[in-house]
């Protein structure tokens, strides 16, 4: 239960704990990690992002187990790491960007 006390929005830093419906994920080949909820065609990604984040939540990740998860999709070419919020930055992968926490 302690892991969920500090999370006030989705897509936060796992170091501070994730929300009860999230897991901490790290994408192979991408530095950093982030908290994320599951999603599907009928279950949309939550839009409560951390303060200052302008990146858009999308159901963009597929787990090897077959599940799908949300990610904050950003623009790695914009050089604007503010789009990902405090302590996070936009990492390029497959032509798009994903916000991850670097700590």
PDB file of N, CA and C in Angstrom:
ATOM      1  N   UNK A   1       0.826  -1.194   0.000  1.00  0.00           N
ATOM      2  CA  UNK A   1       0.000   0.000   0.000  1.00  0.00           C
ATOM      3  C   UNK A   1       0.869   1.257   0.000  1.00  0.00           C
ATOM      4  N   UNK A   2       2.016   1.217   0.644  1.00  0.00           N
ATOM      5  CA  UNK A   2       2.890   2.389   0.720  1.00  0.00           C
ATOM      6  C   UNK A   2       3.317   2.882  -0.656  1.00  0.00           C
ATOM      7  N   UNK A   3       3.423   1.974  -1.637  1.00  0.00           N
ATOM      8  CA  UNK A   3       3.841   2.372  -2.977  1.00  0.00           C
ATOM      9  C   UNK A   3       2.851   3.320  -3.641  1.00  0.00           C
ATOM     10  N   UNK A   4       1.616   3.330  -3.176  1.00  0.00           N
ATOM     11  CA  UNK A   4       0.592   4.127  -3.834  1.00  0.00           C
ATOM     12  C   UNK A   4       0.336   5.463  -3.142  1.00  0.00           C
ATOM     13  N   UNK A   5       0.964   5.704  -1.996  1.00  0.00           N
ATOM     14  CA  UNK A   5       0.655   6.898  -1.228  1.00  0.00           C
ATOM     15  C   UNK A   5       1.125   8.181  -1.898  1.00  0.00           C
ATOM     16  N   UNK A   6       2.242   8.146  -2.604  1.00  0.00           N
ATOM     17  CA  UNK A   6       2.815   9.363  -3.166  1.00  0.00           C
ATOM     18  C   UNK A   6       2.317   9.684  -4.564  1.00  0.00           C
ATOM     19  N   UNK A   7       1.726   8.730  -5.248  1.00  0.00           N
ATOM     20  CA  UNK A   7       1.280   8.952  -6.622  1.00  0.00           C
ATOM     21  C   UNK A   7      -0.005   9.772  -6.612  1.00  0.00           C
ATOM     22  N   UNK A   8       0.029  10.933  -7.278  1.00  0.00           N
ATOM     23  CA  UNK A   8      -1.152  11.789  -7.330  1.00  0.00           C
ATOM     24  C   UNK A   8      -1.733  11.832  -8.739  1.00  0.00           C
ATOM     25  N   UNK A   9      -0.964  11.411  -9.736  1.00  0.00           N
ATOM     26  CA  UNK A   9      -1.453  11.331 -11.112  1.00  0.00           C
ATOM     27  C   UNK A   9      -0.882  10.068 -11.744  1.00  0.00           C
ATOM     28  N   UNK A  10      -1.400   9.716 -12.901  1.00  0.00           N
ATOM     29  CA  UNK A  10      -0.822   8.617 -13.672  1.00  0.00           C
ATOM     30  C   UNK A  10       0.472   9.090 -14.336  1.00  0.00           C
ATOM     31  N   UNK A  11       1.265   8.140 -14.826  1.00  0.00           N
ATOM     32  CA  UNK A  11       2.501   8.387 -15.586  1.00  0.00           C
ATOM     33  C   UNK A  11       3.596   9.039 -14.751  1.00  0.00           C
ATOM     34  N   UNK A  12       3.610   8.787 -13.459  1.00  0.00           N
ATOM     35  CA  UNK A  12       4.616   9.388 -12.585  1.00  0.00           C
ATOM     36  C   UNK A  12       5.913   8.602 -12.550  1.00  0.00           C
ATOM     37  N   UNK A  13       6.812   9.064 -11.697  1.00  0.00           N
ATOM     38  CA  UNK A  13       8.120   8.457 -11.495  1.00  0.00           C
ATOM     39  C   UNK A  13       7.971   7.268 -10.546  1.00  0.00           C
ATOM     40  N   UNK A  14       8.362   6.071 -10.975  1.00  0.00           N
ATOM     41  CA  UNK A  14       8.252   4.896 -10.094  1.00  0.00           C
ATOM     42  C   UNK A  14       8.989   5.070  -8.770  1.00  0.00           C
ATOM     43  N   UNK A  15       9.992   5.925  -8.758  1.00  0.00           N
ATOM     44  CA  UNK A  15      10.752   6.179  -7.534  1.00  0.00           C
ATOM     45  C   UNK A  15       9.831   6.707  -6.431  1.00  0.00           C
ATOM     46  N   UNK A  16       8.784   7.436  -6.829  1.00  0.00           N
ATOM     47  CA  UNK A  16       7.846   8.011  -5.868  1.00  0.00           C
ATOM     48  C   UNK A  16       6.628   7.117  -5.663  1.00  0.00           C
ATOM     49  N   UNK A  17       6.556   6.000  -6.388  1.00  0.00           N
ATOM     50  CA  UNK A  17       5.419   5.100  -6.287  1.00  0.00           C
ATOM     51  C   UNK A  17       4.437   5.325  -7.410  1.00  0.00           C
ATOM     52  N   UNK A  18       3.787   4.250  -7.833  1.00  0.00           N
ATOM     53  CA  UNK A  18       2.798   4.312  -8.905  1.00  0.00           C
ATOM     54  C   UNK A  18       1.393   4.257  -8.316  1.00  0.00           C
ATOM     55  N   UNK A  19       0.391   4.638  -9.109  1.00  0.00           N
ATOM     56  CA  UNK A  19      -0.993   4.521  -8.667  1.00  0.00           C
ATOM     57  C   UNK A  19      -1.387   3.040  -8.623  1.00  0.00           C
ATOM     58  N   UNK A  20      -2.500   2.738  -7.954  1.00  0.00           N
ATOM     59  CA  UNK A  20      -2.898   1.346  -7.730  1.00  0.00           C
ATOM     60  C   UNK A  20      -3.191   0.575  -9.009  1.00  0.00           C
ATOM     61  N   UNK A  21      -3.551   1.282 -10.104  1.00  0.00           N
ATOM     62  CA  UNK A  21      -3.857   0.598 -11.364  1.00  0.00           C
ATOM     63  C   UNK A  21      -2.688   0.648 -12.345  1.00  0.00           C
ATOM     64  N   UNK A  22      -1.497   1.009 -11.848  1.00  0.00           N
ATOM     65  CA  UNK A  22      -0.323   1.132 -12.718  1.00  0.00           C
ATOM     66  C   UNK A  22       0.767   0.128 -12.362  1.00  0.00           C
ATOM     67  N   UNK A  23       1.672  -0.073 -13.313  1.00  0.00           N
ATOM     68  CA  UNK A  23       2.897  -0.817 -13.064  1.00  0.00           C
ATOM     69  C   UNK A  23       4.065   0.054 -13.507  1.00  0.00           C
ATOM     70  N   UNK A  24       5.231  -0.203 -12.952  1.00  0.00           N
ATOM     71  CA  UNK A  24       6.441   0.489 -13.383  1.00  0.00           C
ATOM     72  C   UNK A  24       7.005  -0.274 -14.576  1.00  0.00           C
ATOM     73  N   UNK A  25       7.285   0.433 -15.668  1.00  0.00           N
ATOM     74  CA  UNK A  25       7.813  -0.229 -16.856  1.00  0.00           C
ATOM     75  C   UNK A  25       9.112   0.410 -17.315  1.00  0.00           C
ATOM     76  N   UNK A  26       9.917  -0.439 -17.926  1.00  0.00           N
ATOM     77  CA  UNK A  26      11.149   0.002 -18.579  1.00  0.00           C
ATOM     78  C   UNK A  26      11.124  -0.638 -19.956  1.00  0.00           C
ATOM     79  N   UNK A  27      11.339   0.169 -20.984  1.00  0.00           N
ATOM     80  CA  UNK A  27      11.266  -0.320 -22.359  1.00  0.00           C
ATOM     81  C   UNK A  27      12.652  -0.733 -22.819  1.00  0.00           C
ATOM     82  N   UNK A  28      12.739  -1.937 -23.392  1.00  0.00           N
ATOM     83  CA  UNK A  28      14.021  -2.453 -23.861  1.00  0.00           C
ATOM     84  C   UNK A  28      14.645  -1.473 -24.853  1.00  0.00           C
ATOM     85  N   UNK A  29      15.901  -1.095 -24.595  1.00  0.00           N
ATOM     86  CA  UNK A  29      16.620  -0.198 -25.480  1.00  0.00           C
ATOM     87  C   UNK A  29      16.380   1.276 -25.211  1.00  0.00           C
ATOM     88  N   UNK A  30      15.564   1.593 -24.206  1.00  0.00           N
ATOM     89  CA  UNK A  30      15.272   2.981 -23.860  1.00  0.00           C
ATOM     90  C   UNK A  30      15.655   3.213 -22.405  1.00  0.00           C
ATOM     91  N   UNK A  31      16.445   4.266 -22.160  1.00  0.00           N
ATOM     92  CA  UNK A  31      16.878   4.570 -20.797  1.00  0.00           C
ATOM     93  C   UNK A  31      15.716   5.120 -19.981  1.00  0.00           C
ATOM     94  N   UNK A  32      15.651   4.753 -18.723  1.00  0.00           N
ATOM     95  CA  UNK A  32      14.653   5.290 -17.815  1.00  0.00           C
ATOM     96  C   UNK A  32      13.437   4.401 -17.663  1.00  0.00           C
ATOM     97  N   UNK A  33      12.506   4.832 -16.807  1.00  0.00           N
ATOM     98  CA  UNK A  33      11.287   4.073 -16.544  1.00  0.00           C
ATOM     99  C   UNK A  33      10.143   5.036 -16.246  1.00  0.00           C
ATOM    100  N   UNK A  34       8.940   4.499 -16.107  1.00  0.00           N
ATOM    101  CA  UNK A  34       7.773   5.313 -15.795  1.00  0.00           C
ATOM    102  C   UNK A  34       6.639   4.409 -15.338  1.00  0.00           C
ATOM    103  N   UNK A  35       5.665   5.003 -14.645  1.00  0.00           N
ATOM    104  CA  UNK A  35       4.470   4.275 -14.235  1.00  0.00           C
ATOM    105  C   UNK A  35       3.451   4.351 -15.359  1.00  0.00           C
ATOM    106  N   UNK A  36       2.717   3.260 -15.568  1.00  0.00           N
ATOM    107  CA  UNK A  36       1.713   3.271 -16.630  1.00  0.00           C
ATOM    108  C   UNK A  36       0.571   2.308 -16.334  1.00  0.00           C
ATOM    109  N   UNK A  37      -0.653   2.707 -16.701  1.00  0.00           N
ATOM    110  CA  UNK A  37      -1.802   1.804 -16.571  1.00  0.00           C
ATOM    111  C   UNK A  37      -1.990   0.977 -17.841  1.00  0.00           C
ATOM    112  N   UNK A  38      -2.722  -0.102 -17.715  1.00  0.00           N
ATOM    113  CA  UNK A  38      -3.080  -0.925 -18.872  1.00  0.00           C
ATOM    114  C   UNK A  38      -4.156  -0.204 -19.679  1.00  0.00           C
ATOM    115  N   UNK A  39      -4.269  -0.560 -20.957  1.00  0.00           N
ATOM    116  CA  UNK A  39      -5.284   0.039 -21.818  1.00  0.00           C
ATOM    117  C   UNK A  39      -5.721  -0.988 -22.847  1.00  0.00           C
ATOM    118  N   UNK A  40      -6.771  -0.653 -23.584  1.00  0.00           N
ATOM    119  CA  UNK A  40      -7.268  -1.531 -24.646  1.00  0.00           C
ATOM    120  C   UNK A  40      -8.135  -0.696 -25.580  1.00  0.00           C
ATOM    121  N   UNK A  41      -8.751  -1.338 -26.552  1.00  0.00           N
ATOM    122  CA  UNK A  41      -9.646  -0.615 -27.460  1.00  0.00           C
ATOM    123  C   UNK A  41     -10.803   0.034 -26.712  1.00  0.00           C
ATOM    124  N   UNK A  42     -11.246  -0.607 -25.630  1.00  0.00           N
ATOM    125  CA  UNK A  42     -12.376  -0.072 -24.869  1.00  0.00           C
ATOM    126  C   UNK A  42     -11.946   0.673 -23.604  1.00  0.00           C
ATOM    127  N   UNK A  43     -10.725   0.456 -23.155  1.00  0.00           N
ATOM    128  CA  UNK A  43     -10.234   1.145 -21.957  1.00  0.00           C
ATOM    129  C   UNK A  43      -9.191   2.182 -22.376  1.00  0.00           C
ATOM    130  N   UNK A  44      -9.607   3.429 -22.424  1.00  0.00           N
ATOM    131  CA  UNK A  44      -8.729   4.513 -22.862  1.00  0.00           C
ATOM    132  C   UNK A  44      -7.688   4.844 -21.792  1.00  0.00           C
ATOM    133  N   UNK A  45      -6.626   5.506 -22.208  1.00  0.00           N
ATOM    134  CA  UNK A  45      -5.581   5.927 -21.277  1.00  0.00           C
ATOM    135  C   UNK A  45      -6.070   7.112 -20.444  1.00  0.00           C
ATOM    136  N   UNK A  46      -5.793   7.090 -19.138  1.00  0.00           N
ATOM    137  CA  UNK A  46      -6.160   8.232 -18.288  1.00  0.00           C
ATOM    138  C   UNK A  46      -5.429   9.495 -18.757  1.00  0.00           C
ATOM    139  N   UNK A  47      -6.061  10.639 -18.565  1.00  0.00           N
ATOM    140  CA  UNK A  47      -5.468  11.897 -19.015  1.00  0.00           C
ATOM    141  C   UNK A  47      -4.906  12.739 -17.874  1.00  0.00           C
ATOM    142  N   UNK A  48      -4.915  12.205 -16.647  1.00  0.00           N
ATOM    143  CA  UNK A  48      -4.360  12.957 -15.511  1.00  0.00           C
ATOM    144  C   UNK A  48      -2.841  12.786 -15.484  1.00  0.00           C
ATOM    145  N   UNK A  49      -2.157  13.672 -16.181  1.00  0.00           N
ATOM    146  CA  UNK A  49      -0.695  13.617 -16.299  1.00  0.00           C
ATOM    147  C   UNK A  49      -0.059  14.467 -15.204  1.00  0.00           C
ATOM    148  N   UNK A  50       1.226  14.216 -14.890  1.00  0.00           N
ATOM    149  CA  UNK A  50       1.909  15.052 -13.899  1.00  0.00           C
ATOM    150  C   UNK A  50       1.915  16.524 -14.318  1.00  0.00           C
ATOM    151  N   UNK A  51       2.027  17.404 -13.339  1.00  0.00           N
ATOM    152  CA  UNK A  51       2.012  18.846 -13.577  1.00  0.00           C
ATOM    153  C   UNK A  51       3.051  19.262 -14.619  1.00  0.00           C
ATOM    154  N   UNK A  52       2.634  20.072 -15.569  1.00  0.00           N
ATOM    155  CA  UNK A  52       3.543  20.601 -16.577  1.00  0.00           C
ATOM    156  C   UNK A  52       3.727  19.732 -17.806  1.00  0.00           C
ATOM    157  N   UNK A  53       3.224  18.514 -17.776  1.00  0.00           N
ATOM    158  CA  UNK A  53       3.409  17.593 -18.905  1.00  0.00           C
ATOM    159  C   UNK A  53       2.477  17.988 -20.052  1.00  0.00           C
ATOM    160  N   UNK A  54       3.046  18.099 -21.256  1.00  0.00           N
ATOM    161  CA  UNK A  54       2.231  18.393 -22.444  1.00  0.00           C
ATOM    162  C   UNK A  54       2.194  17.203 -23.399  1.00  0.00           C
ATOM    163  N   UNK A  55       3.006  16.171 -23.147  1.00  0.00           N
ATOM    164  CA  UNK A  55       2.990  14.963 -23.977  1.00  0.00           C
ATOM    165  C   UNK A  55       1.630  14.274 -23.828  1.00  0.00           C
ATOM    166  N   UNK A  56       1.202  13.595 -24.886  1.00  0.00           N
ATOM    167  CA  UNK A  56      -0.138  13.001 -24.911  1.00  0.00           C
ATOM    168  C   UNK A  56      -0.134  11.525 -24.534  1.00  0.00           C
ATOM    169  N   UNK A  57      -1.006  11.111 -23.594  1.00  0.00           N
ATOM    170  CA  UNK A  57      -1.133   9.689 -23.267  1.00  0.00           C
ATOM    171  C   UNK A  57      -1.747   8.918 -24.441  1.00  0.00           C
ATOM    172  N   UNK A  58      -1.110   7.827 -24.840  1.00  0.00           N
ATOM    173  CA  UNK A  58      -1.631   6.985 -25.912  1.00  0.00           C
ATOM    174  C   UNK A  58      -1.450   5.523 -25.544  1.00  0.00           C
ATOM    175  N   UNK A  59      -2.335   4.678 -26.042  1.00  0.00           N
ATOM    176  CA  UNK A  59      -2.251   3.233 -25.827  1.00  0.00           C
ATOM    177  C   UNK A  59      -1.255   2.694 -26.848  1.00  0.00           C
ATOM    178  N   UNK A  60       0.023   2.832 -26.539  1.00  0.00           N
ATOM    179  CA  UNK A  60       1.062   2.622 -27.547  1.00  0.00           C
ATOM    180  C   UNK A  60       2.029   1.469 -27.264  1.00  0.00           C
ATOM    181  N   UNK A  61       1.972   0.892 -26.079  1.00  0.00           N
ATOM    182  CA  UNK A  61       2.946  -0.147 -25.732  1.00  0.00           C
ATOM    183  C   UNK A  61       2.303  -1.530 -25.742  1.00  0.00           C
ATOM    184  N   UNK A  62       3.020  -2.488 -26.287  1.00  0.00           N
ATOM    185  CA  UNK A  62       2.566  -3.881 -26.261  1.00  0.00           C
ATOM    186  C   UNK A  62       3.561  -4.702 -25.458  1.00  0.00           C
ATOM    187  N   UNK A  63       3.073  -5.382 -24.439  1.00  0.00           N
ATOM    188  CA  UNK A  63       3.930  -6.214 -23.607  1.00  0.00           C
ATOM    189  C   UNK A  63       4.129  -7.572 -24.263  1.00  0.00           C
ATOM    190  N   UNK A  64       5.231  -8.225 -23.938  1.00  0.00           N
ATOM    191  CA  UNK A  64       5.486  -9.557 -24.488  1.00  0.00           C
ATOM    192  C   UNK A  64       4.410 -10.540 -24.038  1.00  0.00           C
ATOM    193  N   UNK A  65       3.751 -10.239 -22.921  1.00  0.00           N
ATOM    194  CA  UNK A  65       2.676 -11.098 -22.412  1.00  0.00           C
ATOM    195  C   UNK A  65       1.369 -10.898 -23.168  1.00  0.00           C
ATOM    196  N   UNK A  66       1.330  -9.888 -24.059  1.00  0.00           N
ATOM    197  CA  UNK A  66       0.137  -9.653 -24.849  1.00  0.00           C
ATOM    198  C   UNK A  66      -0.681  -8.462 -24.408  1.00  0.00           C
ATOM    199  N   UNK A  67      -0.416  -7.931 -23.214  1.00  0.00           N
ATOM    200  CA  UNK A  67      -1.167  -6.777 -22.733  1.00  0.00           C
ATOM    201  C   UNK A  67      -0.739  -5.490 -23.419  1.00  0.00           C
ATOM    202  N   UNK A  68      -1.588  -4.478 -23.349  1.00  0.00           N
ATOM    203  CA  UNK A  68      -1.254  -3.171 -23.895  1.00  0.00           C
ATOM    204  C   UNK A  68      -1.224  -2.153 -22.765  1.00  0.00           C
ATOM    205  N   UNK A  69      -0.321  -1.170 -22.900  1.00  0.00           N
ATOM    206  CA  UNK A  69      -0.142  -0.161 -21.865  1.00  0.00           C
ATOM    207  C   UNK A  69      -0.026   1.225 -22.470  1.00  0.00           C
ATOM    208  N   UNK A  70      -0.365   2.204 -21.655  1.00  0.00           N
ATOM    209  CA  UNK A  70      -0.283   3.597 -22.072  1.00  0.00           C
ATOM    210  C   UNK A  70       1.157   4.093 -21.998  1.00  0.00           C
ATOM    211  N   UNK A  71       1.431   5.152 -22.738  1.00  0.00           N
ATOM    212  CA  UNK A  71       2.725   5.837 -22.662  1.00  0.00           C
ATOM    213  C   UNK A  71       2.490   7.297 -22.998  1.00  0.00           C
ATOM    214  N   UNK A  72       3.348   8.164 -22.469  1.00  0.00           N
ATOM    215  CA  UNK A  72       3.290   9.574 -22.833  1.00  0.00           C
ATOM    216  C   UNK A  72       4.110   9.742 -24.100  1.00  0.00           C
ATOM    217  N   UNK A  73       3.443  10.029 -25.198  1.00  0.00           N
ATOM    218  CA  UNK A  73       4.098  10.160 -26.496  1.00  0.00           C
ATOM    219  C   UNK A  73       4.511  11.620 -26.702  1.00  0.00           C
ATOM    220  N   UNK A  74       5.785  11.798 -27.014  1.00  0.00           N
ATOM    221  CA  UNK A  74       6.348  13.135 -27.152  1.00  0.00           C
ATOM    222  C   UNK A  74       7.074  13.251 -28.488  1.00  0.00           C
ATOM    223  N   UNK A  75       7.625  14.416 -28.751  1.00  0.00           N
ATOM    224  CA  UNK A  75       8.333  14.666 -29.999  1.00  0.00           C
ATOM    225  C   UNK A  75       9.826  14.803 -29.724  1.00  0.00           C
ATOM    226  N   UNK A  76      10.618  13.756 -30.015  1.00  0.00           N
ATOM    227  CA  UNK A  76      12.049  13.810 -29.692  1.00  0.00           C
ATOM    228  C   UNK A  76      12.805  14.852 -30.504  1.00  0.00           C
ATOM    229  N   UNK A  77      12.259  15.269 -31.624  1.00  0.00           N
ATOM    230  CA  UNK A  77      12.968  16.240 -32.463  1.00  0.00           C
ATOM    231  C   UNK A  77      12.763  17.675 -31.992  1.00  0.00           C
ATOM    232  N   UNK A  78      11.834  17.907 -31.070  1.00  0.00           N
ATOM    233  CA  UNK A  78      11.539  19.277 -30.662  1.00  0.00           C
ATOM    234  C   UNK A  78      12.557  19.834 -29.679  1.00  0.00           C
ATOM    235  N   UNK A  79      13.374  18.983 -29.087  1.00  0.00           N
ATOM    236  CA  UNK A  79      14.367  19.392 -28.084  1.00  0.00           C
ATOM    237  C   UNK A  79      13.715  20.074 -26.884  1.00  0.00           C
ATOM    238  N   UNK A  80      12.442  19.778 -26.657  1.00  0.00           N
ATOM    239  CA  UNK A  80      11.698  20.385 -25.554  1.00  0.00           C
ATOM    240  C   UNK A  80      11.391  19.327 -24.511  1.00  0.00           C
ATOM    241  N   UNK A  81      12.332  19.091 -23.590  1.00  0.00           N
ATOM    242  CA  UNK A  81      12.110  18.067 -22.575  1.00  0.00           C
ATOM    243  C   UNK A  81      11.049  18.483 -21.566  1.00  0.00           C
ATOM    244  N   UNK A  82      10.641  19.749 -21.587  1.00  0.00           N
ATOM    245  CA  UNK A  82       9.580  20.191 -20.691  1.00  0.00           C
ATOM    246  C   UNK A  82       8.269  19.465 -20.997  1.00  0.00           C
ATOM    247  N   UNK A  83       8.125  18.960 -22.234  1.00  0.00           N
ATOM    248  CA  UNK A  83       6.900  18.246 -22.601  1.00  0.00           C
ATOM    249  C   UNK A  83       6.686  17.004 -21.734  1.00  0.00           C
ATOM    250  N   UNK A  84       7.755  16.512 -21.121  1.00  0.00           N
ATOM    251  CA  UNK A  84       7.661  15.308 -20.294  1.00  0.00           C
ATOM    252  C   UNK A  84       7.575  15.609 -18.794  1.00  0.00           C
ATOM    253  N   UNK A  85       7.760  16.851 -18.392  1.00  0.00           N
ATOM    254  CA  UNK A  85       7.658  17.204 -16.985  1.00  0.00           C
ATOM    255  C   UNK A  85       8.979  17.094 -16.245  1.00  0.00           C
ATOM    256  N   UNK A  86       8.925  17.301 -14.943  1.00  0.00           N
ATOM    257  CA  UNK A  86      10.101  17.323 -14.077  1.00  0.00           C
ATOM    258  C   UNK A  86      10.789  15.965 -14.010  1.00  0.00           C
ATOM    259  N   UNK A  87      12.101  15.953 -14.144  1.00  0.00           N
ATOM    260  CA  UNK A  87      12.951  14.748 -14.041  1.00  0.00           C
ATOM    261  C   UNK A  87      12.728  13.727 -15.149  1.00  0.00           C
ATOM    262  N   UNK A  88      11.985  14.089 -16.191  1.00  0.00           N
ATOM    263  CA  UNK A  88      11.745  13.163 -17.296  1.00  0.00           C
ATOM    264  C   UNK A  88      12.201  13.805 -18.599  1.00  0.00           C
ATOM    265  N   UNK A  89      12.460  12.967 -19.591  1.00  0.00           N
ATOM    266  CA  UNK A  89      12.835  13.487 -20.904  1.00  0.00           C
ATOM    267  C   UNK A  89      12.290  12.582 -21.992  1.00  0.00           C
ATOM    268  N   UNK A  90      12.276  13.118 -23.199  1.00  0.00           N
ATOM    269  CA  UNK A  90      11.710  12.424 -24.350  1.00  0.00           C
ATOM    270  C   UNK A  90      12.781  11.563 -25.008  1.00  0.00           C
ATOM    271  N   UNK A  91      12.552  10.256 -25.060  1.00  0.00           N
ATOM    272  CA  UNK A  91      13.506   9.322 -25.670  1.00  0.00           C
ATOM    273  C   UNK A  91      12.955   8.837 -27.004  1.00  0.00           C
ATOM    274  N   UNK A  92      13.776   8.882 -28.038  1.00  0.00           N
ATOM    275  CA  UNK A  92      13.345   8.461 -29.369  1.00  0.00           C
ATOM    276  C   UNK A  92      13.285   6.943 -29.460  1.00  0.00           C
ATOM    277  N   UNK A  93      12.193   6.445 -30.057  1.00  0.00           N
ATOM    278  CA  UNK A  93      12.059   5.014 -30.317  1.00  0.00           C
ATOM    279  C   UNK A  93      11.063   4.828 -31.468  1.00  0.00           C
ATOM    280  N   UNK A  94      11.466   4.101 -32.473  1.00  0.00           N
ATOM    281  CA  UNK A  94      10.604   3.777 -33.620  1.00  0.00           C
ATOM    282  C   UNK A  94       9.929   4.994 -34.240  1.00  0.00           C
ATOM    283  N   UNK A  95      10.663   6.089 -34.394  1.00  0.00           N
ATOM    284  CA  UNK A  95      10.127   7.263 -35.068  1.00  0.00           C
ATOM    285  C   UNK A  95       9.282   8.187 -34.221  1.00  0.00           C
ATOM    286  N   UNK A  96       9.024   7.813 -32.978  1.00  0.00           N
ATOM    287  CA  UNK A  96       8.282   8.679 -32.060  1.00  0.00           C
ATOM    288  C   UNK A  96       9.124   8.860 -30.804  1.00  0.00           C
ATOM    289  N   UNK A  97       8.558   9.482 -29.797  1.00  0.00           N
ATOM    290  CA  UNK A  97       9.255   9.639 -28.529  1.00  0.00           C
ATOM    291  C   UNK A  97       8.380   9.179 -27.384  1.00  0.00           C
ATOM    292  N   UNK A  98       9.023   8.708 -26.317  1.00  0.00           N
ATOM    293  CA  UNK A  98       8.322   8.281 -25.109  1.00  0.00           C
ATOM    294  C   UNK A  98       8.985   8.955 -23.929  1.00  0.00           C
ATOM    295  N   UNK A  99       8.171   9.524 -23.046  1.00  0.00           N
ATOM    296  CA  UNK A  99       8.692  10.169 -21.835  1.00  0.00           C
ATOM    297  C   UNK A  99       9.087   9.110 -20.811  1.00  0.00           C
ATOM    298  N   UNK A 100      10.316   9.191 -20.319  1.00  0.00           N
ATOM    299  CA  UNK A 100      10.746   8.317 -19.226  1.00  0.00           C
ATOM    300  C   UNK A 100      11.499   9.152 -18.192  1.00  0.00           C
ATOM    301  N   UNK A 101      11.538   8.643 -16.968  1.00  0.00           N
ATOM    302  CA  UNK A 101      12.265   9.297 -15.873  1.00  0.00           C
ATOM    303  C   UNK A 101      13.693   8.758 -15.839  1.00  0.00           C
ATOM    304  N   UNK A 102      14.631   9.685 -15.696  1.00  0.00           N
ATOM    305  CA  UNK A 102      16.053   9.333 -15.826  1.00  0.00           C
ATOM    306  C   UNK A 102      16.722   8.927 -14.523  1.00  0.00           C
ATOM    307  N   UNK A 103      16.077   9.125 -13.398  1.00  0.00           N
ATOM    308  CA  UNK A 103      16.760   8.882 -12.118  1.00  0.00           C
ATOM    309  C   UNK A 103      16.828   7.413 -11.759  1.00  0.00           C
TER     310      UNK A 103
END
